[in-house]
Amino acid sequence: MTQFCPPLHLWQGNSEALLRPAEHPRNTEFELSSGRVSPDYDATMVWLEKLIAHSPMLNKVDLGKSPQGGIWMVIATANGAGTAAKLIHQDKPTVML
């Protein structure tokens, strides 16, 4: 069988300290698996929807439609700029991930 991806390397580092305890209510599959499993898109969106529901600093904004479904932007803000229009008028940078 042809290998298309590089081999996996064991990973350890200081960021492991950022993993929350398994009993934390908003853990991702990554944290529940001690960093061994990365969630797929659907699982990530379910987790993100729960996070948005619990935080007044997060807003989900509909940017339109694609053949795959909705195009969403999540705005994380402590100063109330919870829409794309409000982001334009603030003096802070906007980072798109």
Protein backbone atom coordinates (compact mmCIF):
# COMPACT_ATOMS: atom_id res chain seq x y z
CA MET A 1 0.00 0.00 0.00
CA THR A 2 1.31 3.46 -0.89
CA GLN A 3 1.60 5.88 2.01
CA PHE A 4 0.40 9.37 1.07
CA CYS A 5 0.83 11.10 4.41
CA PRO A 6 4.00 11.42 6.46
CA PRO A 7 4.33 9.00 9.39
CA LEU A 8 2.77 10.00 12.69
CA HIS A 9 5.19 11.24 15.33
CA LEU A 10 4.68 11.04 19.05
CA TRP A 11 3.87 14.46 20.40
CA GLN A 12 4.47 15.91 23.83
CA GLY A 13 4.78 19.51 24.88
CA ASN A 14 3.83 22.25 27.32
CA SER A 15 0.44 22.71 25.65
CA GLU A 16 -0.64 19.37 27.13
CA ALA A 17 -1.21 21.35 30.34
CA LEU A 18 -4.11 23.09 28.52
CA LEU A 19 -6.10 19.84 28.27
CA ARG A 20 -9.02 19.96 30.67
CA PRO A 21 -9.94 17.11 33.03
CA ALA A 22 -12.15 14.42 31.43
CA GLU A 23 -15.15 15.43 33.56
CA HIS A 24 -15.23 19.02 32.23
CA PRO A 25 -18.71 19.65 30.70
CA ARG A 26 -17.46 21.28 27.47
CA ASN A 27 -14.64 18.93 26.53
CA THR A 28 -14.05 18.02 22.91
CA GLU A 29 -13.36 14.52 21.58
CA PHE A 30 -9.70 15.56 21.52
CA GLU A 31 -9.64 16.20 25.27
CA LEU A 32 -11.76 13.16 26.08
CA SER A 33 -9.25 10.99 24.21
CA SER A 34 -6.20 12.57 25.90
CA GLY A 35 -5.23 14.15 22.60
CA ARG A 36 -5.47 11.03 20.43
CA VAL A 37 -8.69 11.71 18.46
CA SER A 38 -9.50 14.81 16.44
CA PRO A 39 -13.24 15.39 15.96
CA ASP A 40 -14.77 15.60 12.49
CA TYR A 41 -16.62 18.68 11.20
CA ASP A 42 -20.06 17.61 12.47
CA ALA A 43 -18.79 16.82 15.97
CA THR A 44 -16.90 20.12 16.04
CA MET A 45 -20.03 22.05 15.06
CA VAL A 46 -22.13 20.30 17.75
CA TRP A 47 -19.48 21.24 20.35
CA LEU A 48 -19.30 24.81 19.02
CA GLU A 49 -23.10 25.22 19.14
CA LYS A 50 -23.06 24.18 22.82
CA LEU A 51 -20.23 26.62 23.52
CA ILE A 52 -22.08 29.46 21.76
CA ALA A 53 -25.23 28.68 23.78
CA HIS A 54 -23.27 29.05 27.05
CA SER A 55 -21.30 32.22 26.28
CA PRO A 56 -22.63 35.75 25.77
CA MET A 57 -19.28 36.58 24.12
CA LEU A 58 -19.89 34.23 21.16
CA ASN A 59 -22.21 34.89 18.23
CA LYS A 60 -22.87 32.71 15.18
CA VAL A 61 -23.50 34.75 12.02
CA ASP A 62 -24.91 33.34 8.76
CA LEU A 63 -22.77 34.46 5.80
CA GLY A 64 -24.72 32.62 3.11
CA LYS A 65 -24.97 29.22 1.48
CA SER A 66 -22.58 26.88 -0.32
CA PRO A 67 -23.26 23.58 -2.08
CA GLN A 68 -22.30 21.85 1.19
CA GLY A 69 -24.67 23.94 3.32
CA GLY A 70 -24.40 27.08 5.41
CA ILE A 71 -21.38 29.34 5.66
CA TRP A 72 -20.96 30.52 9.23
CA MET A 73 -18.79 32.99 11.09
CA VAL A 74 -18.39 32.77 14.85
CA ILE A 75 -17.59 36.10 16.46
CA ALA A 76 -15.84 36.04 19.83
CA THR A 77 -16.05 39.45 21.46
CA ALA A 78 -16.11 40.93 24.93
CA ASN A 79 -17.21 44.39 23.73
CA GLY A 80 -20.52 43.56 22.04
CA ALA A 81 -19.41 43.54 18.37
CA GLY A 82 -21.56 40.49 17.68
CA THR A 83 -22.32 41.14 14.01
CA ALA A 84 -20.20 41.58 10.91
CA ALA A 85 -21.42 45.18 10.58
CA LYS A 86 -20.34 46.02 14.13
CA LEU A 87 -16.92 44.46 13.55
CA ILE A 88 -16.22 47.00 10.81
CA HIS A 89 -16.66 49.90 13.23
CA GLN A 90 -14.40 48.77 16.04
CA ASP A 91 -10.75 49.66 16.58
CA LYS A 92 -9.61 46.06 17.01
CA PRO A 93 -8.27 43.61 14.45
CA THR A 94 -10.50 40.88 13.08
CA VAL A 95 -8.94 37.44 12.74
CA MET A 96 -10.50 34.85 10.44
CA LEU A 97 -9.66 31.18 11.09
